[in-house]
Protein backbone atom coordinates (compact mmCIF):
# COMPACT_ATOMS: atom_id res chain seq x y z
CA GLN A 1 18.43 -2.70 -8.48
CA VAL A 2 15.46 -0.92 -6.99
CA GLN A 3 14.41 -1.92 -3.48
CA LEU A 4 11.07 -1.24 -1.82
CA VAL A 5 10.74 -1.29 1.96
CA GLU A 6 7.30 -1.20 3.57
CA SER A 7 6.51 -0.30 7.16
CA GLY A 8 3.58 0.71 9.33
CA GLY A 9 1.61 -2.50 9.67
CA GLY A 10 0.28 -3.82 12.94
CA LEU A 11 -2.76 -4.79 14.95
CA VAL A 12 -5.71 -2.41 15.05
CA GLN A 13 -9.30 -2.64 16.20
CA PRO A 14 -12.18 -2.46 13.72
CA GLY A 15 -12.90 1.14 12.87
CA GLY A 16 -9.31 2.14 13.53
CA SER A 17 -6.65 3.58 11.25
CA LEU A 18 -3.15 2.69 10.07
CA SER A 19 -0.71 4.39 7.75
CA LEU A 20 1.63 2.31 5.62
CA SER A 21 4.81 3.64 4.04
CA CYS A 22 6.95 2.32 1.22
CA VAL A 23 10.39 3.79 0.65
CA VAL A 24 11.91 3.37 -2.80
CA SER A 25 15.68 3.14 -2.99
CA ARG A 26 16.11 4.96 -6.29
CA THR A 27 16.06 8.72 -6.85
CA SER A 28 14.18 8.11 -10.09
CA PHE A 29 11.15 7.33 -7.91
CA SER A 30 9.24 10.20 -9.49
CA LEU A 31 9.24 8.26 -12.76
CA PHE A 32 7.59 5.17 -11.29
CA PRO A 33 3.88 4.44 -11.15
CA MET A 34 3.30 2.83 -7.76
CA GLY A 35 0.72 0.56 -6.22
CA TRP A 36 -0.36 -1.23 -3.08
CA TYR A 37 -1.61 -4.79 -3.16
CA ARG A 38 -2.68 -7.13 -0.41
CA GLN A 39 -2.89 -10.86 0.14
CA ALA A 40 -5.06 -12.43 2.79
CA PRO A 41 -4.41 -15.97 4.03
CA GLY A 42 -5.59 -18.50 1.47
CA LYS A 43 -6.45 -15.83 -1.10
CA GLN A 44 -4.83 -14.38 -4.18
CA ARG A 45 -2.99 -11.10 -4.12
CA GLU A 46 -5.33 -8.26 -5.04
CA LEU A 47 -5.02 -4.64 -6.04
CA VAL A 48 -5.71 -2.08 -3.34
CA ALA A 49 -4.71 1.23 -4.93
CA THR A 50 -2.42 2.75 -7.53
CA ILE A 51 -0.97 6.19 -8.15
CA ASN A 52 0.70 7.25 -11.37
CA THR A 53 3.50 9.73 -11.92
CA SER A 54 1.01 12.58 -12.31
CA GLY A 55 -0.71 11.76 -9.05
CA SER A 56 -3.83 10.18 -10.50
CA THR A 57 -5.19 7.45 -8.27
CA ASN A 58 -7.24 4.30 -8.61
CA TYR A 59 -8.83 2.19 -5.86
CA ALA A 60 -10.42 -1.18 -5.45
CA ASP A 61 -14.14 -0.85 -4.80
CA SER A 62 -13.72 -2.49 -1.41
CA VAL A 63 -11.52 0.35 -0.11
CA LYS A 64 -12.94 3.42 -1.88
CA GLY A 65 -13.72 6.18 0.55
CA ARG A 66 -11.66 4.54 3.31
CA PHE A 67 -8.11 4.29 1.95
CA THR A 68 -5.96 7.02 0.41
CA ILE A 69 -2.78 6.48 -1.60
CA SER A 70 -0.29 9.33 -1.91
CA ARG A 71 3.34 9.91 -2.75
CA ASP A 72 6.08 12.24 -1.58
CA LYS A 73 8.67 12.64 -4.31
CA ALA A 74 11.12 14.40 -2.01
CA LYS A 75 11.12 11.38 0.30
CA ASN A 76 10.92 8.69 -2.39
CA THR A 77 7.94 7.34 -0.47
CA VAL A 78 4.44 6.15 -1.27
CA TYR A 79 1.84 5.99 1.48
CA LEU A 80 -1.40 4.18 2.11
CA GLN A 81 -3.64 5.80 4.72
CA MET A 82 -6.22 3.29 5.87
CA ASN A 83 -9.26 4.47 7.84
CA SER A 84 -12.40 2.73 9.06
CA LEU A 85 -10.59 -0.58 8.95
CA LYS A 86 -12.59 -3.79 8.83
CA PRO A 87 -11.64 -7.36 9.75
CA GLU A 88 -11.72 -8.21 6.04
CA ASP A 89 -8.85 -5.76 5.49
CA THR A 90 -6.58 -8.18 7.35
CA ALA A 91 -3.76 -9.15 4.98
CA ASP A 92 -0.13 -8.74 4.10
CA TYR A 93 0.25 -5.46 2.23
CA TYR A 94 2.83 -5.04 -0.51
CA CYS A 95 3.97 -2.05 -2.50
CA THR A 96 5.10 -2.39 -6.07
CA ILE A 97 6.24 -0.46 -9.09
CA THR A 98 3.17 -1.15 -11.18
CA GLY A 99 3.73 -3.13 -14.34
CA THR A 100 6.98 -4.62 -13.05
CA ASN A 101 8.00 -7.55 -10.92
CA THR A 102 9.47 -5.29 -8.27
CA TRP A 103 7.84 -5.79 -4.87
CA GLY A 104 8.57 -5.00 -1.27
CA GLN A 105 8.77 -7.63 1.42
CA GLY A 106 5.30 -6.83 2.74
CA THR A 107 3.90 -5.58 6.01
CA GLN A 108 1.20 -7.35 7.99
CA VAL A 109 -2.08 -5.66 8.88
CA THR A 110 -4.44 -7.34 11.33
CA VAL A 111 -7.84 -5.87 12.11
CA SER A 112 -9.35 -7.56 15.13
CA SER A 113 -11.00 -6.79 18.43
């Protein structure tokens, strides 16, 4: 069974940056389309960004120009670089193999002064 393990969350001031990582336990990682989602308190989980096996990316309008998703096939890892963070980016962030019910445990991001 594939496992996803996120890391890199934390507390950051508005305007700051964080980098999230998600390690995939299977060597067939290169075959998986991957995504990052987030869920703020009291809200539904929403798409943040996706990256397919060819490296094509897609972003929610709210994060375009600020967040960058990438993947390192050698490390079985997908990243989410988050810049110019805003308080409304505060949420639990989850990585997933898109189109499946495989999710990580989540990592918390808090943007506050």
